[in-house]
C-alpha atoms as a PDB file:
ATOM      1  CA  MET A   1       2.567-172.859  45.715  1.00  0.00           C
ATOM      2  CA  THR A   2       4.313-175.953  44.354  1.00  0.00           C
ATOM      3  CA  SER A   3       4.313-176.983  40.702  1.00  0.00           C
ATOM      4  CA  MET A   4       2.116-180.005  41.523  1.00  0.00           C
ATOM      5  CA  GLN A   5      -0.472-177.753  43.196  1.00  0.00           C
ATOM      6  CA  PHE A   6      -0.386-175.477  40.166  1.00  0.00           C
ATOM      7  CA  ILE A   7      -1.082-178.427  37.839  1.00  0.00           C
ATOM      8  CA  LEU A   8      -3.857-179.808  40.042  1.00  0.00           C
ATOM      9  CA  LEU A   9      -5.390-176.340  40.278  1.00  0.00           C
ATOM     10  CA  PHE A  10      -5.431-176.182  36.478  1.00  0.00           C
ATOM     11  CA  VAL A  11      -7.235-179.549  36.376  1.00  0.00           C
ATOM     12  CA  VAL A  12      -9.795-178.415  38.963  1.00  0.00           C
ATOM     13  CA  ALA A  13     -10.429-175.183  37.047  1.00  0.00           C
ATOM     14  CA  MET A  14     -10.880-177.133  33.809  1.00  0.00           C
ATOM     15  CA  ILE A  15     -13.349-179.506  35.450  1.00  0.00           C
ATOM     16  CA  ALA A  16     -15.343-176.621  36.957  1.00  0.00           C
ATOM     17  CA  GLY A  17     -15.451-174.797  33.625  1.00  0.00           C
ATOM     18  CA  MET A  18     -16.629-177.846  31.701  1.00  0.00           C
ATOM     19  CA  ALA A  19     -19.176-178.709  34.390  1.00  0.00           C
ATOM     20  CA  SER A  20     -20.716-175.245  34.012  1.00  0.00           C
ATOM     21  CA  VAL A  21     -22.172-176.352  30.665  1.00  0.00           C
ATOM     22  CA  LEU A  22     -22.634-180.056  31.425  1.00  0.00           C
ATOM     23  CA  ASP A  23     -24.667-179.386  34.609  1.00  0.00           C
ATOM     24  CA  GLU A  24     -24.727-183.095  35.468  1.00  0.00           C
ATOM     25  CA  ALA A  25     -21.974-183.661  38.037  1.00  0.00           C
ATOM     26  CA  GLN A  26     -22.377-180.123  39.491  1.00  0.00           C
ATOM     27  CA  PHE A  27     -18.606-179.646  39.887  1.00  0.00           C
ATOM     28  CA  HIS A  28     -19.086-175.983  39.023  1.00  0.00           C
ATOM     29  CA  ARG A  29     -21.195-175.300  42.094  1.00  0.00           C
ATOM     30  CA  PRO A  30     -19.406-173.143  44.679  1.00  0.00           C
ATOM     31  CA  LEU A  31     -19.531-175.735  47.465  1.00  0.00           C
ATOM     32  CA  VAL A  32     -17.862-178.368  45.280  1.00  0.00           C
ATOM     33  CA  ALA A  33     -15.458-176.109  43.367  1.00  0.00           C
ATOM     34  CA  CYS A  34     -14.203-174.233  46.446  1.00  0.00           C
ATOM     35  CA  THR A  35     -13.782-177.484  48.350  1.00  0.00           C
ATOM     36  CA  MET A  36     -11.694-178.964  45.539  1.00  0.00           C
ATOM     37  CA  VAL A  37      -9.545-175.823  45.423  1.00  0.00           C
ATOM     38  CA  GLY A  38      -9.117-176.053  49.188  1.00  0.00           C
ATOM     39  CA  MET A  39      -8.050-179.695  48.888  1.00  0.00           C
ATOM     40  CA  VAL A  40      -5.416-178.780  46.291  1.00  0.00           C
ATOM     41  CA  LEU A  41      -4.107-175.815  48.285  1.00  0.00           C
ATOM     42  CA  GLY A  42      -4.132-177.643  51.623  1.00  0.00           C
ATOM     43  CA  ASP A  43      -6.911-175.669  53.332  1.00  0.00           C
ATOM     44  CA  VAL A  44     -10.106-177.690  53.005  1.00  0.00           C
ATOM     45  CA  THR A  45     -11.813-175.930  55.926  1.00  0.00           C
ATOM     46  CA  THR A  46     -11.598-172.502  54.311  1.00  0.00           C
ATOM     47  CA  GLY A  47     -12.708-173.964  50.988  1.00  0.00           C
ATOM     48  CA  ILE A  48     -15.805-175.535  52.525  1.00  0.00           C
ATOM     49  CA  ILE A  49     -16.738-172.397  54.479  1.00  0.00           C
ATOM     50  CA  LEU A  50     -16.302-170.132  51.461  1.00  0.00           C
ATOM     51  CA  GLY A  51     -18.062-172.589  49.144  1.00  0.00           C
ATOM     52  CA  GLY A  52     -20.987-173.020  51.505  1.00  0.00           C
ATOM     53  CA  THR A  53     -21.401-169.264  51.805  1.00  0.00           C
ATOM     54  CA  LEU A  54     -21.150-168.690  48.060  1.00  0.00           C
ATOM     55  CA  GLU A  55     -23.578-171.550  47.455  1.00  0.00           C
ATOM     56  CA  MET A  56     -26.276-169.526  49.173  1.00  0.00           C
ATOM     57  CA  LEU A  57     -25.576-166.648  46.776  1.00  0.00           C
ATOM     58  CA  ALA A  58     -25.507-168.857  43.684  1.00  0.00           C
ATOM     59  CA  LEU A  59     -28.579-170.915  44.555  1.00  0.00           C
ATOM     60  CA  GLY A  60     -30.714-169.189  41.954  1.00  0.00           C
ATOM     61  CA  TRP A  61     -27.975-168.813  39.351  1.00  0.00           C
ATOM     62  CA  MET A  62     -29.142-171.043  36.531  1.00  0.00           C
ATOM     63  CA  ASN A  63     -29.481-170.673  32.780  1.00  0.00           C
ATOM     64  CA  VAL A  64     -33.104-170.323  31.705  1.00  0.00           C
ATOM     65  CA  GLY A  65     -33.609-170.457  27.953  1.00  0.00           C
ATOM     66  CA  ALA A  66     -31.288-167.959  26.281  1.00  0.00           C
ATOM     67  CA  ALA A  67     -30.717-166.020  29.516  1.00  0.00           C
ATOM     68  CA  MET A  68     -27.214-166.548  30.882  1.00  0.00           C
ATOM     69  CA  ALA A  69     -26.806-166.605  34.644  1.00  0.00           C
ATOM     70  CA  PRO A  70     -23.734-165.231  36.454  1.00  0.00           C
ATOM     71  CA  ASP A  71     -20.887-167.721  36.247  1.00  0.00           C
ATOM     72  CA  ALA A  72     -20.497-169.658  39.481  1.00  0.00           C
ATOM     73  CA  ALA A  73     -17.482-171.654  38.252  1.00  0.00           C
ATOM     74  CA  LEU A  74     -15.119-168.732  37.687  1.00  0.00           C
ATOM     75  CA  ALA A  75     -16.309-166.915  40.802  1.00  0.00           C
ATOM     76  CA  SER A  76     -15.814-169.994  42.988  1.00  0.00           C
ATOM     77  CA  VAL A  77     -12.361-171.009  41.743  1.00  0.00           C
ATOM     78  CA  VAL A  78     -10.810-167.542  41.613  1.00  0.00           C
ATOM     79  CA  SER A  79     -12.285-166.319  44.907  1.00  0.00           C
ATOM     80  CA  ALA A  80     -11.104-169.503  46.663  1.00  0.00           C
ATOM     81  CA  ILE A  81      -7.578-168.955  45.317  1.00  0.00           C
ATOM     82  CA  LEU A  82      -7.545-165.343  46.465  1.00  0.00           C
ATOM     83  CA  VAL A  83      -8.837-166.227  49.935  1.00  0.00           C
ATOM     84  CA  ILE A  84      -6.513-169.190  50.541  1.00  0.00           C
ATOM     85  CA  VAL A  85      -3.340-168.157  48.714  1.00  0.00           C
ATOM     86  CA  GLY A  86      -3.814-164.419  49.191  1.00  0.00           C
ATOM     87  CA  HIS A  87      -4.749-164.858  52.880  1.00  0.00           C
ATOM     88  CA  GLN A  88      -7.913-162.820  52.522  1.00  0.00           C
ATOM     89  CA  SER A  89     -11.014-163.038  54.709  1.00  0.00           C
ATOM     90  CA  ILE A  90     -14.151-164.955  53.811  1.00  0.00           C
ATOM     91  CA  GLY A  91     -15.976-161.634  53.573  1.00  0.00           C
ATOM     92  CA  ALA A  92     -13.467-160.386  51.023  1.00  0.00           C
ATOM     93  CA  GLY A  93     -13.938-163.580  49.017  1.00  0.00           C
ATOM     94  CA  ILE A  94     -17.690-163.087  48.993  1.00  0.00           C
ATOM     95  CA  ALA A  95     -17.297-159.470  47.907  1.00  0.00           C
ATOM     96  CA  LEU A  96     -14.952-160.483  45.079  1.00  0.00           C
ATOM     97  CA  ALA A  97     -17.199-163.336  43.934  1.00  0.00           C
ATOM     98  CA  VAL A  98     -19.991-161.036  42.756  1.00  0.00           C
ATOM     99  CA  PRO A  99     -17.964-159.077  40.136  1.00  0.00           C
ATOM    100  CA  LEU A 100     -16.098-162.274  39.207  1.00  0.00           C
ATOM    101  CA  ALA A 101     -19.408-163.969  38.452  1.00  0.00           C
ATOM    102  CA  ALA A 102     -20.398-161.059  36.215  1.00  0.00           C
ATOM    103  CA  ALA A 103     -17.045-161.266  34.392  1.00  0.00           C
ATOM    104  CA  GLY A 104     -17.497-165.008  33.965  1.00  0.00           C
ATOM    105  CA  GLN A 105     -20.935-164.400  32.517  1.00  0.00           C
ATOM    106  CA  VAL A 106     -19.414-162.229  29.791  1.00  0.00           C
ATOM    107  CA  LEU A 107     -16.705-164.817  29.132  1.00  0.00           C
ATOM    108  CA  THR A 108     -19.123-167.708  28.781  1.00  0.00           C
ATOM    109  CA  ILE A 109     -21.271-165.726  26.343  1.00  0.00           C
ATOM    110  CA  PHE A 110     -18.130-165.015  24.302  1.00  0.00           C
ATOM    111  CA  VAL A 111     -17.110-168.686  24.326  1.00  0.00           C
ATOM    112  CA  ARG A 112     -20.604-169.855  23.411  1.00  0.00           C
ATOM    113  CA  THR A 113     -20.520-167.481  20.462  1.00  0.00           C
ATOM    114  CA  ILE A 114     -17.259-169.049  19.307  1.00  0.00           C
ATOM    115  CA  THR A 115     -18.679-172.558  19.623  1.00  0.00           C
ATOM    116  CA  VAL A 116     -21.223-171.736  16.921  1.00  0.00           C
ATOM    117  CA  PHE A 117     -18.352-172.515  14.520  1.00  0.00           C
ATOM    118  CA  PHE A 118     -18.156-176.039  15.953  1.00  0.00           C
ATOM    119  CA  GLN A 119     -21.904-176.478  15.495  1.00  0.00           C
ATOM    120  CA  HIS A 120     -21.734-175.660  11.790  1.00  0.00           C
ATOM    121  CA  LEU A 121     -18.662-177.863  11.436  1.00  0.00           C
ATOM    122  CA  ALA A 122     -20.535-180.701  13.132  1.00  0.00           C
ATOM    123  CA  ASP A 123     -23.342-180.286  10.572  1.00  0.00           C
ATOM    124  CA  LYS A 124     -20.834-180.808   7.784  1.00  0.00           C
ATOM    125  CA  PHE A 125     -19.429-183.899   9.485  1.00  0.00           C
ATOM    126  CA  ALA A 126     -22.980-185.214   9.914  1.00  0.00           C
ATOM    127  CA  LEU A 127     -23.609-184.899   6.171  1.00  0.00           C
ATOM    128  CA  GLN A 128     -20.398-186.843   5.580  1.00  0.00           C
ATOM    129  CA  GLY A 129     -21.337-189.486   8.130  1.00  0.00           C
ATOM    130  CA  ASN A 130     -18.220-188.681  10.158  1.00  0.00           C
ATOM    131  CA  ALA A 131     -19.164-189.549  13.749  1.00  0.00           C
ATOM    132  CA  PHE A 132     -15.601-189.034  14.993  1.00  0.00           C
ATOM    133  CA  GLY A 133     -15.588-185.470  13.642  1.00  0.00           C
ATOM    134  CA  ILE A 134     -18.862-184.718  15.430  1.00  0.00           C
ATOM    135  CA  GLU A 135     -17.403-186.008  18.699  1.00  0.00           C
ATOM    136  CA  MET A 136     -14.325-183.829  18.252  1.00  0.00           C
ATOM    137  CA  CYS A 137     -16.560-180.785  17.739  1.00  0.00           C
ATOM    138  CA  HIS A 138     -18.337-181.543  21.005  1.00  0.00           C
ATOM    139  CA  LEU A 139     -15.043-181.975  22.833  1.00  0.00           C
ATOM    140  CA  GLY A 140     -13.622-178.792  21.286  1.00  0.00           C
ATOM    141  CA  GLY A 141     -16.489-176.668  22.566  1.00  0.00           C
ATOM    142  CA  LEU A 142     -16.245-178.351  25.964  1.00  0.00           C
ATOM    143  CA  LEU A 143     -12.511-177.702  26.247  1.00  0.00           C
ATOM    144  CA  LEU A 144     -13.052-174.023  25.433  1.00  0.00           C
ATOM    145  CA  GLN A 145     -15.393-173.767  28.418  1.00  0.00           C
ATOM    146  CA  GLY A 146     -12.752-175.351  30.618  1.00  0.00           C
ATOM    147  CA  ILE A 147     -10.023-173.031  29.344  1.00  0.00           C
ATOM    148  CA  ARG A 148     -12.350-170.079  29.975  1.00  0.00           C
ATOM    149  CA  VAL A 149     -12.033-170.735  33.710  1.00  0.00           C
ATOM    150  CA  ALA A 150      -8.571-172.311  33.813  1.00  0.00           C
ATOM    151  CA  ILE A 151      -6.624-169.431  32.232  1.00  0.00           C
ATOM    152  CA  PRO A 152      -7.946-166.679  34.577  1.00  0.00           C
ATOM    153  CA  ALA A 153      -7.501-169.039  37.532  1.00  0.00           C
ATOM    154  CA  MET A 154      -3.878-169.714  36.598  1.00  0.00           C
ATOM    155  CA  LEU A 155      -3.158-166.010  36.160  1.00  0.00           C
ATOM    156  CA  VAL A 156      -4.613-165.269  39.585  1.00  0.00           C
ATOM    157  CA  ALA A 157      -2.774-168.207  41.160  1.00  0.00           C
ATOM    158  CA  ALA A 158       0.506-166.960  39.697  1.00  0.00           C
ATOM    159  CA  VAL A 159       0.220-163.533  41.336  1.00  0.00           C
ATOM    160  CA  ALA A 160      -1.924-164.296  44.388  1.00  0.00           C
ATOM    161  CA  GLY A 161      -0.094-164.003  47.665  1.00  0.00           C
ATOM    162  CA  THR A 162       2.356-161.398  46.390  1.00  0.00           C
ATOM    163  CA  ASP A 163       2.732-158.115  48.220  1.00  0.00           C
ATOM    164  CA  THR A 164       1.399-156.194  45.232  1.00  0.00           C
ATOM    165  CA  VAL A 165      -1.840-158.156  45.055  1.00  0.00           C
ATOM    166  CA  ASN A 166      -2.313-158.108  48.825  1.00  0.00           C
ATOM    167  CA  SER A 167      -1.840-154.366  48.944  1.00  0.00           C
ATOM    168  CA  MET A 168      -4.296-153.905  46.075  1.00  0.00           C
ATOM    169  CA  LEU A 169      -6.920-156.010  47.824  1.00  0.00           C
ATOM    170  CA  SER A 170      -6.310-154.269  51.129  1.00  0.00           C
ATOM    171  CA  SER A 171      -6.631-150.863  49.481  1.00  0.00           C
ATOM    172  CA  ILE A 172     -10.222-151.523  48.402  1.00  0.00           C
ATOM    173  CA  PRO A 173     -12.400-149.171  50.486  1.00  0.00           C
ATOM    174  CA  GLU A 174     -14.551-150.818  53.103  1.00  0.00           C
ATOM    175  CA  VAL A 175     -17.616-149.084  51.707  1.00  0.00           C
ATOM    176  CA  ILE A 176     -17.164-151.095  48.481  1.00  0.00           C
ATOM    177  CA  THR A 177     -16.427-154.455  50.068  1.00  0.00           C
ATOM    178  CA  ARG A 178     -19.197-154.010  52.617  1.00  0.00           C
ATOM    179  CA  GLY A 179     -21.602-152.915  49.894  1.00  0.00           C
ATOM    180  CA  LEU A 180     -20.806-155.996  47.837  1.00  0.00           C
ATOM    181  CA  GLN A 181     -21.370-158.210  50.872  1.00  0.00           C
ATOM    182  CA  VAL A 182     -24.759-156.594  51.494  1.00  0.00           C
ATOM    183  CA  SER A 183     -25.712-156.938  47.839  1.00  0.00           C
ATOM    184  CA  GLY A 184     -24.633-160.566  48.048  1.00  0.00           C
ATOM    185  CA  GLY A 185     -27.110-161.005  50.873  1.00  0.00           C
ATOM    186  CA  PHE A 186     -29.878-159.668  48.643  1.00  0.00           C
ATOM    187  CA  ILE A 187     -28.813-162.116  45.942  1.00  0.00           C
ATOM    188  CA  VAL A 188     -29.421-164.960  48.400  1.00  0.00           C
ATOM    189  CA  VAL A 189     -33.029-163.877  48.838  1.00  0.00           C
ATOM    190  CA  VAL A 190     -33.499-163.457  45.103  1.00  0.00           C
ATOM    191  CA  GLY A 191     -31.920-166.861  44.508  1.00  0.00           C
ATOM    192  CA  TYR A 192     -34.345-168.612  46.833  1.00  0.00           C
ATOM    193  CA  ALA A 193     -37.253-166.721  45.314  1.00  0.00           C
ATOM    194  CA  MET A 194     -36.184-167.703  41.781  1.00  0.00           C
ATOM    195  CA  VAL A 195     -35.962-171.372  42.730  1.00  0.00           C
ATOM    196  CA  ILE A 196     -39.382-171.374  44.393  1.00  0.00           C
ATOM    197  CA  ASN A 197     -40.869-169.438  41.466  1.00  0.00           C
ATOM    198  CA  MET A 198     -39.463-171.914  38.928  1.00  0.00           C
ATOM    199  CA  MET A 199     -40.795-174.810  41.011  1.00  0.00           C
ATOM    200  CA  ASN A 200     -44.203-173.120  40.804  1.00  0.00           C
ATOM    201  CA  ALA A 201     -44.749-174.120  44.418  1.00  0.00           C
ATOM    202  CA  LYS A 202     -46.654-171.191  45.879  1.00  0.00           C
ATOM    203  CA  SER A 203     -47.654-173.367  48.824  1.00  0.00           C
ATOM    204  CA  LEU A 204     -44.014-173.266  49.983  1.00  0.00           C
ATOM    205  CA  MET A 205     -43.895-169.480  50.258  1.00  0.00           C
ATOM    206  CA  PRO A 206     -45.105-169.439  53.912  1.00  0.00           C
ATOM    207  CA  TYR A 207     -42.107-171.583  54.869  1.00  0.00           C
ATOM    208  CA  PHE A 208     -39.880-169.224  52.902  1.00  0.00           C
ATOM    209  CA  PHE A 209     -41.027-166.144  54.811  1.00  0.00           C
ATOM    210  CA  LEU A 210     -41.155-168.034  58.112  1.00  0.00           C
ATOM    211  CA  GLY A 211     -37.477-168.927  57.805  1.00  0.00           C
ATOM    212  CA  PHE A 212     -36.388-165.342  57.246  1.00  0.00           C
ATOM    213  CA  LEU A 213     -38.563-164.052  60.085  1.00  0.00           C
ATOM    214  CA  LEU A 214     -37.088-166.607  62.454  1.00  0.00           C
ATOM    215  CA  ALA A 215     -33.586-165.684  61.307  1.00  0.00           C
ATOM    216  CA  VAL A 216     -34.195-161.997  62.018  1.00  0.00           C
ATOM    217  CA  PHE A 217     -36.053-162.166  65.327  1.00  0.00           C
ATOM    218  CA  THR A 218     -34.432-165.221  66.960  1.00  0.00           C
ATOM    219  CA  ASP A 219     -30.951-166.533  67.694  1.00  0.00           C
ATOM    220  CA  ILE A 220     -31.484-169.980  66.165  1.00  0.00           C
ATOM    221  CA  ASN A 221     -28.348-171.356  64.507  1.00  0.00           C
ATOM    222  CA  LEU A 222     -28.131-173.251  61.208  1.00  0.00           C
ATOM    223  CA  ILE A 223     -28.547-176.630  62.915  1.00  0.00           C
ATOM    224  CA  GLY A 224     -31.779-175.437  64.470  1.00  0.00           C
ATOM    225  CA  PHE A 225     -33.013-174.112  61.138  1.00  0.00           C
ATOM    226  CA  GLY A 226     -32.177-177.451  59.547  1.00  0.00           C
ATOM    227  CA  ALA A 227     -34.207-179.282  62.180  1.00  0.00           C
ATOM    228  CA  ILE A 228     -37.140-176.880  61.746  1.00  0.00           C
ATOM    229  CA  GLY A 229     -36.938-177.371  57.983  1.00  0.00           C
ATOM    230  CA  LEU A 230     -37.058-181.162  58.358  1.00  0.00           C
ATOM    231  CA  ILE A 231     -40.087-180.942  60.635  1.00  0.00           C
ATOM    232  CA  CYS A 232     -41.900-178.588  58.246  1.00  0.00           C
ATOM    233  CA  ALA A 233     -41.032-180.833  55.301  1.00  0.00           C
ATOM    234  CA  PHE A 234     -42.346-183.889  57.179  1.00  0.00           C
ATOM    235  CA  PHE A 235     -45.741-182.352  57.914  1.00  0.00           C
ATOM    236  CA  HIS A 236     -45.963-180.817  54.431  1.00  0.00           C
ATOM    237  CA  ILE A 237     -45.333-184.186  52.776  1.00  0.00           C
ATOM    238  CA  LYS A 238     -47.829-185.887  55.087  1.00  0.00           C
ATOM    239  CA  GLY A 239     -50.418-183.316  54.071  1.00  0.00           C
ATOM    240  CA  LEU A 240     -49.727-183.972  50.401  1.00  0.00           C
ATOM    241  CA  GLU A 241     -50.056-187.713  50.972  1.00  0.00           C
ATOM    242  CA  ARG A 242     -53.469-187.227  52.578  1.00  0.00           C
ATOM    243  CA  GLU A 243     -54.619-185.081  49.663  1.00  0.00           C
ATOM    244  CA  LEU A 244     -53.434-187.673  47.142  1.00  0.00           C
ATOM    245  CA  SER A 245     -55.092-190.481  49.068  1.00  0.00           C
ATOM    246  CA  ALA A 246     -58.349-188.561  49.209  1.00  0.00           C
ATOM    247  CA  ALA A 247     -58.163-187.811  45.485  1.00  0.00           C
ATOM    248  CA  ALA A 248     -57.460-191.463  44.680  1.00  0.00           C
ATOM    249  CA  ALA A 249     -60.450-192.531  46.754  1.00  0.00           C
ATOM    250  CA  GLY A 250     -62.688-190.060  44.938  1.00  0.00           C
ATOM    251  CA  HIS A 251     -63.074-187.752  47.896  1.00  0.00           C
ATOM    252  CA  SER A 252     -62.207-184.108  48.149  1.00  0.00           C
ATOM    253  CA  GLY A 253     -60.688-184.391  51.596  1.00  0.00           C
ATOM    254  CA  ASN A 254     -63.376-182.105  53.023  1.00  0.00           C
ATOM    255  CA  PRO A 255     -66.050-184.056  54.997  1.00  0.00           C
ATOM    256  CA  VAL A 256     -68.707-181.431  54.187  1.00  0.00           C
ATOM    257  CA  ASP A 257     -68.078-181.626  50.426  1.00  0.00           C
ATOM    258  CA  ASP A 258     -68.078-185.418  50.480  1.00  0.00           C
ATOM    259  CA  VAL A 259     -71.653-185.684  51.789  1.00  0.00           C
ATOM    260  CA  ASP A 260     -73.996-187.005  49.097  1.00  0.00           C
ATOM    261  CA  ASP A 261     -76.969-184.713  48.511  1.00  0.00           C
ATOM    262  CA  SER A 262     -79.248-187.750  48.145  1.00  0.00           C
ATOM    263  CA  ASP A 263     -78.516-188.706  51.726  1.00  0.00           C
ATOM    264  CA  LEU A 264     -80.115-185.485  52.908  1.00  0.00           C
ATOM    265  CA  MET A 265     -83.375-186.047  51.067  1.00  0.00           C
END
């Protein structure tokens, strides 16, 4: 790894760490973070494949209230480095991403606890009318989140690809790596279920179960599933439009219910 790649990797890790609390640009999502790491390390294809796979695992990873979700930023950046620089398989990257996400969850809780100091300091600056001080407090907390991901990523990048690290990764028993991959598959299902539950869209559950049944009992590829999803979405939206039109017109949408009782007298 060249010095320029090392610097760019530090920048990417910082961006992913800061995006994990900003949530606007979504640079911390596995598909984006792994792709950026792949661009820096010269293997975009592996980055996209790993990021797309991890994205399915992290679909339901989101912070709800005070509950902290597993950290997708650290898991994405570090696992991409290990797979590309350490010449590991995609399966190994997926297996490593699960414990990395748990470690990142602990780190982000620790950093958020530290940033309480900046919040109290910002209160003092607010009483003084110091807008610049408040901005610096915001930036200080944001930089800590970036460093939280950048430092572990740099440590891994410094040793990844060495014989010692490769032998350590290769020495992990298959029962552990395979078990983590299977558990990652369960996380995908839970992630989808969490998203649908938060959307409060119980009418979408039949499509949810239909997709998994088709995946198990057929040989349809992802392109076919995408086409089926578009068709289902089209008819579902058309049905919603009919219901809204009927409600706007003052009808229930059911011809029997719309009959006026006075017409039968």
